Amino acid sequence: ATSHDTSWAKAWHKWALFNFDVISFHESRDNRDAVNPYLQPAVSGFFRSVSLRRANVQQDILRLLTLWFKYGGQLEVDC
């Protein structure tokens, strides 16, 4: 959906949330090495979602900050 309509905020939100949930799953199993492929899509998806929506973005911002605090030093998250 994100490739067919790059301005659809809900698609970006769902894409970011999917990747965030996969990261959370791997964290719960102490498998932090498996989160790397999902970091960049989650971060960029939350940025796109927040930039395209004007209301109700607080939860996406909090999730984005969570990723930054946990993984901000990694190349996949470093801006």
PDB file of N, CA and C in Angstrom:
ATOM      1  N   ALA A   1       0.823  -1.197   0.000  1.00  0.00           N
ATOM      2  CA  ALA A   1       0.000   0.000   0.000  1.00  0.00           C
ATOM      3  C   ALA A   1       0.867   1.261   0.000  1.00  0.00           C
ATOM      4  N   THR A   2       2.003   1.210   0.691  1.00  0.00           N
ATOM      5  CA  THR A   2       2.866   2.401   0.733  1.00  0.00           C
ATOM      6  C   THR A   2       3.500   2.690  -0.615  1.00  0.00           C
ATOM      7  N   SER A   3       3.710   1.676  -1.430  1.00  0.00           N
ATOM      8  CA  SER A   3       4.307   1.914  -2.747  1.00  0.00           C
ATOM      9  C   SER A   3       3.270   2.370  -3.773  1.00  0.00           C
ATOM     10  N   HIS A   4       2.007   2.029  -3.560  1.00  0.00           N
ATOM     11  CA  HIS A   4       0.955   2.445  -4.486  1.00  0.00           C
ATOM     12  C   HIS A   4       0.432   3.842  -4.198  1.00  0.00           C
ATOM     13  N   ASP A   5       0.438   4.241  -2.949  1.00  0.00           N
ATOM     14  CA  ASP A   5      -0.013   5.581  -2.571  1.00  0.00           C
ATOM     15  C   ASP A   5       0.892   6.093  -1.469  1.00  0.00           C
ATOM     16  N   THR A   6       1.931   6.802  -1.852  1.00  0.00           N
ATOM     17  CA  THR A   6       2.939   7.257  -0.887  1.00  0.00           C
ATOM     18  C   THR A   6       2.432   8.352   0.044  1.00  0.00           C
ATOM     19  N   SER A   7       1.238   8.861  -0.194  1.00  0.00           N
ATOM     20  CA  SER A   7       0.703   9.911   0.679  1.00  0.00           C
ATOM     21  C   SER A   7      -0.400   9.399   1.599  1.00  0.00           C
ATOM     22  N   TRP A   8      -0.581   8.096   1.683  1.00  0.00           N
ATOM     23  CA  TRP A   8      -1.617   7.519   2.533  1.00  0.00           C
ATOM     24  C   TRP A   8      -1.049   7.282   3.930  1.00  0.00           C
ATOM     25  N   ALA A   9      -1.407   8.136   4.861  1.00  0.00           N
ATOM     26  CA  ALA A   9      -0.860   8.104   6.220  1.00  0.00           C
ATOM     27  C   ALA A   9      -1.166   6.794   6.937  1.00  0.00           C
ATOM     28  N   LYS A  10      -2.357   6.261   6.740  1.00  0.00           N
ATOM     29  CA  LYS A  10      -2.732   5.027   7.430  1.00  0.00           C
ATOM     30  C   LYS A  10      -1.865   3.850   6.985  1.00  0.00           C
ATOM     31  N   ALA A  11      -1.515   3.798   5.727  1.00  0.00           N
ATOM     32  CA  ALA A  11      -0.643   2.727   5.237  1.00  0.00           C
ATOM     33  C   ALA A  11       0.734   2.822   5.882  1.00  0.00           C
ATOM     34  N   TRP A  12       1.276   4.028   5.982  1.00  0.00           N
ATOM     35  CA  TRP A  12       2.579   4.218   6.617  1.00  0.00           C
ATOM     36  C   TRP A  12       2.521   3.862   8.095  1.00  0.00           C
ATOM     37  N   HIS A  13       1.410   4.225   8.742  1.00  0.00           N
ATOM     38  CA  HIS A  13       1.238   3.894  10.158  1.00  0.00           C
ATOM     39  C   HIS A  13       1.230   2.378  10.346  1.00  0.00           C
ATOM     40  N   LYS A  14       0.448   1.670   9.535  1.00  0.00           N
ATOM     41  CA  LYS A  14       0.355   0.211   9.657  1.00  0.00           C
ATOM     42  C   LYS A  14       1.697  -0.453   9.354  1.00  0.00           C
ATOM     43  N   TRP A  15       2.403   0.041   8.352  1.00  0.00           N
ATOM     44  CA  TRP A  15       3.720  -0.505   7.993  1.00  0.00           C
ATOM     45  C   TRP A  15       4.710  -0.318   9.146  1.00  0.00           C
ATOM     46  N   ALA A  16       4.746   0.877   9.709  1.00  0.00           N
ATOM     47  CA  ALA A  16       5.647   1.153  10.826  1.00  0.00           C
ATOM     48  C   ALA A  16       5.272   0.318  12.042  1.00  0.00           C
ATOM     49  N   LEU A  17       3.986   0.220  12.322  1.00  0.00           N
ATOM     50  CA  LEU A  17       3.518  -0.534  13.479  1.00  0.00           C
ATOM     51  C   LEU A  17       3.841  -2.022  13.333  1.00  0.00           C
ATOM     52  N   PHE A  18       3.705  -2.557  12.135  1.00  0.00           N
ATOM     53  CA  PHE A  18       4.075  -3.960  11.892  1.00  0.00           C
ATOM     54  C   PHE A  18       5.549  -4.183  12.243  1.00  0.00           C
ATOM     55  N   ASN A  19       6.425  -3.319  11.731  1.00  0.00           N
ATOM     56  CA  ASN A  19       7.856  -3.463  11.997  1.00  0.00           C
ATOM     57  C   ASN A  19       8.168  -3.256  13.471  1.00  0.00           C
ATOM     58  N   PHE A  20       7.493  -2.308  14.109  1.00  0.00           N
ATOM     59  CA  PHE A  20       7.668  -2.067  15.541  1.00  0.00           C
ATOM     60  C   PHE A  20       7.265  -3.309  16.341  1.00  0.00           C
ATOM     61  N   ASP A  21       6.173  -3.941  15.964  1.00  0.00           N
ATOM     62  CA  ASP A  21       5.719  -5.146  16.667  1.00  0.00           C
ATOM     63  C   ASP A  21       6.691  -6.311  16.487  1.00  0.00           C
ATOM     64  N   VAL A  22       7.278  -6.433  15.311  1.00  0.00           N
ATOM     65  CA  VAL A  22       8.287  -7.480  15.092  1.00  0.00           C
ATOM     66  C   VAL A  22       9.508  -7.209  15.972  1.00  0.00           C
ATOM     67  N   ILE A  23       9.912  -5.963  16.069  1.00  0.00           N
ATOM     68  CA  ILE A  23      11.030  -5.590  16.944  1.00  0.00           C
ATOM     69  C   ILE A  23      10.702  -5.952  18.386  1.00  0.00           C
ATOM     70  N   SER A  24       9.503  -5.615  18.835  1.00  0.00           N
ATOM     71  CA  SER A  24       9.090  -5.922  20.205  1.00  0.00           C
ATOM     72  C   SER A  24       9.084  -7.426  20.467  1.00  0.00           C
ATOM     73  N   PHE A  25       8.641  -8.198  19.472  1.00  0.00           N
ATOM     74  CA  PHE A  25       8.644  -9.655  19.600  1.00  0.00           C
ATOM     75  C   PHE A  25      10.063 -10.178  19.820  1.00  0.00           C
ATOM     76  N   HIS A  26      10.997  -9.726  18.998  1.00  0.00           N
ATOM     77  CA  HIS A  26      12.378 -10.197  19.128  1.00  0.00           C
ATOM     78  C   HIS A  26      13.013  -9.723  20.431  1.00  0.00           C
ATOM     79  N   GLU A  27      12.664  -8.528  20.878  1.00  0.00           N
ATOM     80  CA  GLU A  27      13.177  -8.047  22.161  1.00  0.00           C
ATOM     81  C   GLU A  27      12.677  -8.920  23.305  1.00  0.00           C
ATOM     82  N   SER A  28      11.432  -9.342  23.244  1.00  0.00           N
ATOM     83  CA  SER A  28      10.867 -10.167  24.320  1.00  0.00           C
ATOM     84  C   SER A  28      11.543 -11.526  24.407  1.00  0.00           C
ATOM     85  N   ARG A  29      12.167 -11.940  23.327  1.00  0.00           N
ATOM     86  CA  ARG A  29      12.888 -13.213  23.305  1.00  0.00           C
ATOM     87  C   ARG A  29      14.398 -13.018  23.434  1.00  0.00           C
ATOM     88  N   ASP A  30      14.813 -11.823  23.832  1.00  0.00           N
ATOM     89  CA  ASP A  30      16.241 -11.480  23.970  1.00  0.00           C
ATOM     90  C   ASP A  30      17.037 -11.789  22.707  1.00  0.00           C
ATOM     91  N   ASN A  31      16.441 -11.516  21.574  1.00  0.00           N
ATOM     92  CA  ASN A  31      17.084 -11.749  20.284  1.00  0.00           C
ATOM     93  C   ASN A  31      17.270 -10.408  19.573  1.00  0.00           C
ATOM     94  N   ARG A  32      18.061  -9.528  20.163  1.00  0.00           N
ATOM     95  CA  ARG A  32      18.228  -8.177  19.636  1.00  0.00           C
ATOM     96  C   ARG A  32      18.932  -8.139  18.286  1.00  0.00           C
ATOM     97  N   ASP A  33      19.675  -9.169  17.960  1.00  0.00           N
ATOM     98  CA  ASP A  33      20.340  -9.200  16.648  1.00  0.00           C
ATOM     99  C   ASP A  33      19.328  -9.299  15.509  1.00  0.00           C
ATOM    100  N   ALA A  34      18.157  -9.851  15.789  1.00  0.00           N
ATOM    101  CA  ALA A  34      17.145 -10.044  14.746  1.00  0.00           C
ATOM    102  C   ALA A  34      16.343  -8.782  14.459  1.00  0.00           C
ATOM    103  N   VAL A  35      16.520  -7.721  15.237  1.00  0.00           N
ATOM    104  CA  VAL A  35      15.711  -6.511  15.039  1.00  0.00           C
ATOM    105  C   VAL A  35      16.245  -5.614  13.929  1.00  0.00           C
ATOM    106  N   ASN A  36      17.498  -5.746  13.578  1.00  0.00           N
ATOM    107  CA  ASN A  36      18.129  -4.817  12.628  1.00  0.00           C
ATOM    108  C   ASN A  36      17.380  -4.625  11.306  1.00  0.00           C
ATOM    109  N   PRO A  37      16.894  -5.693  10.667  1.00  0.00           N
ATOM    110  CA  PRO A  37      16.197  -5.473   9.387  1.00  0.00           C
ATOM    111  C   PRO A  37      14.893  -4.683   9.518  1.00  0.00           C
ATOM    112  N   TYR A  38      14.357  -4.572  10.723  1.00  0.00           N
ATOM    113  CA  TYR A  38      13.065  -3.922  10.926  1.00  0.00           C
ATOM    114  C   TYR A  38      13.179  -2.492  11.449  1.00  0.00           C
ATOM    115  N   LEU A  39      14.386  -2.078  11.813  1.00  0.00           N
ATOM    116  CA  LEU A  39      14.573  -0.746  12.400  1.00  0.00           C
ATOM    117  C   LEU A  39      14.322   0.379  11.400  1.00  0.00           C
ATOM    118  N   GLN A  40      14.981   0.328  10.272  1.00  0.00           N
ATOM    119  CA  GLN A  40      14.831   1.406   9.290  1.00  0.00           C
ATOM    120  C   GLN A  40      13.394   1.516   8.780  1.00  0.00           C
ATOM    121  N   PRO A  41      12.723   0.414   8.427  1.00  0.00           N
ATOM    122  CA  PRO A  41      11.327   0.550   7.992  1.00  0.00           C
ATOM    123  C   PRO A  41      10.415   1.106   9.079  1.00  0.00           C
ATOM    124  N   ALA A  42      10.652   0.737  10.328  1.00  0.00           N
ATOM    125  CA  ALA A  42       9.825   1.256  11.421  1.00  0.00           C
ATOM    126  C   ALA A  42      10.035   2.750  11.599  1.00  0.00           C
ATOM    127  N   VAL A  43      11.284   3.173  11.660  1.00  0.00           N
ATOM    128  CA  VAL A  43      11.590   4.592  11.868  1.00  0.00           C
ATOM    129  C   VAL A  43      11.087   5.438  10.704  1.00  0.00           C
ATOM    130  N   SER A  44      11.405   5.031   9.486  1.00  0.00           N
ATOM    131  CA  SER A  44      10.966   5.835   8.343  1.00  0.00           C
ATOM    132  C   SER A  44       9.445   5.810   8.206  1.00  0.00           C
ATOM    133  N   GLY A  45       8.822   4.678   8.534  1.00  0.00           N
ATOM    134  CA  GLY A  45       7.367   4.599   8.475  1.00  0.00           C
ATOM    135  C   GLY A  45       6.694   5.515   9.479  1.00  0.00           C
ATOM    136  N   PHE A  46       7.232   5.569  10.700  1.00  0.00           N
ATOM    137  CA  PHE A  46       6.663   6.481  11.698  1.00  0.00           C
ATOM    138  C   PHE A  46       6.867   7.939  11.290  1.00  0.00           C
ATOM    139  N   PHE A  47       8.028   8.261  10.738  1.00  0.00           N
ATOM    140  CA  PHE A  47       8.247   9.627  10.261  1.00  0.00           C
ATOM    141  C   PHE A  47       7.241  10.003   9.177  1.00  0.00           C
ATOM    142  N   ARG A  48       7.037   9.100   8.227  1.00  0.00           N
ATOM    143  CA  ARG A  48       6.071   9.383   7.150  1.00  0.00           C
ATOM    144  C   ARG A  48       4.660   9.509   7.694  1.00  0.00           C
ATOM    145  N   SER A  49       4.289   8.615   8.590  1.00  0.00           N
ATOM    146  CA  SER A  49       2.956   8.641   9.177  1.00  0.00           C
ATOM    147  C   SER A  49       2.694   9.952   9.912  1.00  0.00           C
ATOM    148  N   VAL A  50       3.656  10.369  10.720  1.00  0.00           N
ATOM    149  CA  VAL A  50       3.504  11.622  11.481  1.00  0.00           C
ATOM    150  C   VAL A  50       3.461  12.820  10.546  1.00  0.00           C
ATOM    151  N   SER A  51       4.278  12.808   9.520  1.00  0.00           N
ATOM    152  CA  SER A  51       4.321  13.967   8.621  1.00  0.00           C
ATOM    153  C   SER A  51       3.063  14.081   7.758  1.00  0.00           C
ATOM    154  N   LEU A  52       2.401  12.957   7.497  1.00  0.00           N
ATOM    155  CA  LEU A  52       1.213  12.985   6.656  1.00  0.00           C
ATOM    156  C   LEU A  52      -0.080  13.206   7.437  1.00  0.00           C
ATOM    157  N   ARG A  53      -0.069  12.880   8.724  1.00  0.00           N
ATOM    158  CA  ARG A  53      -1.263  13.084   9.546  1.00  0.00           C
ATOM    159  C   ARG A  53      -1.075  14.329  10.390  1.00  0.00           C
ATOM    160  N   ARG A  54      -2.155  15.002  10.663  1.00  0.00           N
ATOM    161  CA  ARG A  54      -2.080  16.221  11.466  1.00  0.00           C
ATOM    162  C   ARG A  54      -2.672  16.031  12.861  1.00  0.00           C
ATOM    163  N   ALA A  55      -3.376  14.942  13.087  1.00  0.00           N
ATOM    164  CA  ALA A  55      -4.012  14.698  14.379  1.00  0.00           C
ATOM    165  C   ALA A  55      -3.712  13.274  14.830  1.00  0.00           C
ATOM    166  N   ASN A  56      -3.770  13.074  16.128  1.00  0.00           N
ATOM    167  CA  ASN A  56      -3.591  11.746  16.720  1.00  0.00           C
ATOM    168  C   ASN A  56      -2.264  11.097  16.348  1.00  0.00           C
ATOM    169  N   VAL A  57      -1.200  11.851  16.453  1.00  0.00           N
ATOM    170  CA  VAL A  57       0.125  11.322  16.112  1.00  0.00           C
ATOM    171  C   VAL A  57       0.955  11.012  17.356  1.00  0.00           C
ATOM    172  N   GLN A  58       0.394  11.225  18.534  1.00  0.00           N
ATOM    173  CA  GLN A  58       1.164  11.082  19.764  1.00  0.00           C
ATOM    174  C   GLN A  58       1.738   9.671  19.927  1.00  0.00           C
ATOM    175  N   GLN A  59       0.938   8.651  19.656  1.00  0.00           N
ATOM    176  CA  GLN A  59       1.409   7.284  19.846  1.00  0.00           C
ATOM    177  C   GLN A  59       2.551   6.950  18.879  1.00  0.00           C
ATOM    178  N   ASP A  60       2.450   7.414  17.649  1.00  0.00           N
ATOM    179  CA  ASP A  60       3.541   7.181  16.698  1.00  0.00           C
ATOM    180  C   ASP A  60       4.805   7.908  17.127  1.00  0.00           C
ATOM    181  N   ILE A  61       4.664   9.106  17.647  1.00  0.00           N
ATOM    182  CA  ILE A  61       5.832   9.859  18.120  1.00  0.00           C
ATOM    183  C   ILE A  61       6.476   9.141  19.297  1.00  0.00           C
ATOM    184  N   LEU A  62       5.664   8.630  20.210  1.00  0.00           N
ATOM    185  CA  LEU A  62       6.218   7.896  21.353  1.00  0.00           C
ATOM    186  C   LEU A  62       6.939   6.625  20.912  1.00  0.00           C
ATOM    187  N   ARG A  63       6.389   5.939  19.950  1.00  0.00           N
ATOM    188  CA  ARG A  63       7.056   4.725  19.439  1.00  0.00           C
ATOM    189  C   ARG A  63       8.360   5.077  18.733  1.00  0.00           C
ATOM    190  N   LEU A  64       8.344   6.152  17.995  1.00  0.00           N
ATOM    191  CA  LEU A  64       9.560   6.616  17.320  1.00  0.00           C
ATOM    192  C   LEU A  64      10.638   6.975  18.341  1.00  0.00           C
ATOM    193  N   LEU A  65      10.255   7.683  19.381  1.00  0.00           N
ATOM    194  CA  LEU A  65      11.213   8.026  20.439  1.00  0.00           C
ATOM    195  C   LEU A  65      11.738   6.780  21.143  1.00  0.00           C
ATOM    196  N   THR A  66      10.882   5.805  21.351  1.00  0.00           N
ATOM    197  CA  THR A  66      11.317   4.549  21.965  1.00  0.00           C
ATOM    198  C   THR A  66      12.412   3.901  21.129  1.00  0.00           C
ATOM    199  N   LEU A  67      12.211   3.851  19.823  1.00  0.00           N
ATOM    200  CA  LEU A  67      13.231   3.268  18.948  1.00  0.00           C
ATOM    201  C   LEU A  67      14.512   4.078  18.974  1.00  0.00           C
ATOM    202  N   TRP A  68      14.379   5.393  18.988  1.00  0.00           N
ATOM    203  CA  TRP A  68      15.574   6.240  19.023  1.00  0.00           C
ATOM    204  C   TRP A  68      16.373   6.034  20.300  1.00  0.00           C
ATOM    205  N   PHE A  69      15.677   5.963  21.439  1.00  0.00           N
ATOM    206  CA  PHE A  69      16.392   5.782  22.705  1.00  0.00           C
ATOM    207  C   PHE A  69      17.056   4.413  22.796  1.00  0.00           C
ATOM    208  N   LYS A  70      16.419   3.394  22.260  1.00  0.00           N
ATOM    209  CA  LYS A  70      16.980   2.049  22.329  1.00  0.00           C
ATOM    210  C   LYS A  70      18.048   1.799  21.283  1.00  0.00           C
ATOM    211  N   TYR A  71      17.848   2.328  20.073  1.00  0.00           N
ATOM    212  CA  TYR A  71      18.702   1.931  18.952  1.00  0.00           C
ATOM    213  C   TYR A  71      19.302   3.125  18.198  1.00  0.00           C
ATOM    214  N   GLY A  72      19.285   4.290  18.787  1.00  0.00           N
ATOM    215  CA  GLY A  72      19.752   5.492  18.117  1.00  0.00           C
ATOM    216  C   GLY A  72      21.192   5.455  17.651  1.00  0.00           C
ATOM    217  N   GLY A  73      22.004   4.650  18.279  1.00  0.00           N
ATOM    218  CA  GLY A  73      23.412   4.553  17.903  1.00  0.00           C
ATOM    219  C   GLY A  73      23.674   3.624  16.736  1.00  0.00           C
ATOM    220  N   GLN A  74      22.683   2.888  16.304  1.00  0.00           N
ATOM    221  CA  GLN A  74      22.872   1.951  15.208  1.00  0.00           C
ATOM    222  C   GLN A  74      22.685   2.645  13.867  1.00  0.00           C
ATOM    223  N   LEU A  75      23.386   2.167  12.890  1.00  0.00           N
ATOM    224  CA  LEU A  75      23.380   2.770  11.556  1.00  0.00           C
ATOM    225  C   LEU A  75      21.974   2.810  10.959  1.00  0.00           C
ATOM    226  N   GLU A  76      21.142   1.803  11.210  1.00  0.00           N
ATOM    227  CA  GLU A  76      19.802   1.742  10.647  1.00  0.00           C
ATOM    228  C   GLU A  76      18.898   2.857  11.162  1.00  0.00           C
ATOM    229  N   VAL A  77      19.209   3.385  12.339  1.00  0.00           N
ATOM    230  CA  VAL A  77      18.378   4.425  12.960  1.00  0.00           C
ATOM    231  C   VAL A  77      19.038   5.788  12.884  1.00  0.00           C
ATOM    232  N   ASP A  78      20.342   5.838  12.817  1.00  0.00           N
ATOM    233  CA  ASP A  78      21.077   7.096  12.805  1.00  0.00           C
ATOM    234  C   ASP A  78      20.663   7.956  11.613  1.00  0.00           C
ATOM    235  N   CYS A  79      20.321   9.195  11.909  1.00  0.00           N
ATOM    236  CA  CYS A  79      19.866  10.087  10.825  1.00  0.00           C
ATOM    237  C   CYS A  79      21.019  10.875  10.305  1.00  0.00           C
TER     238      CYS A  79
END
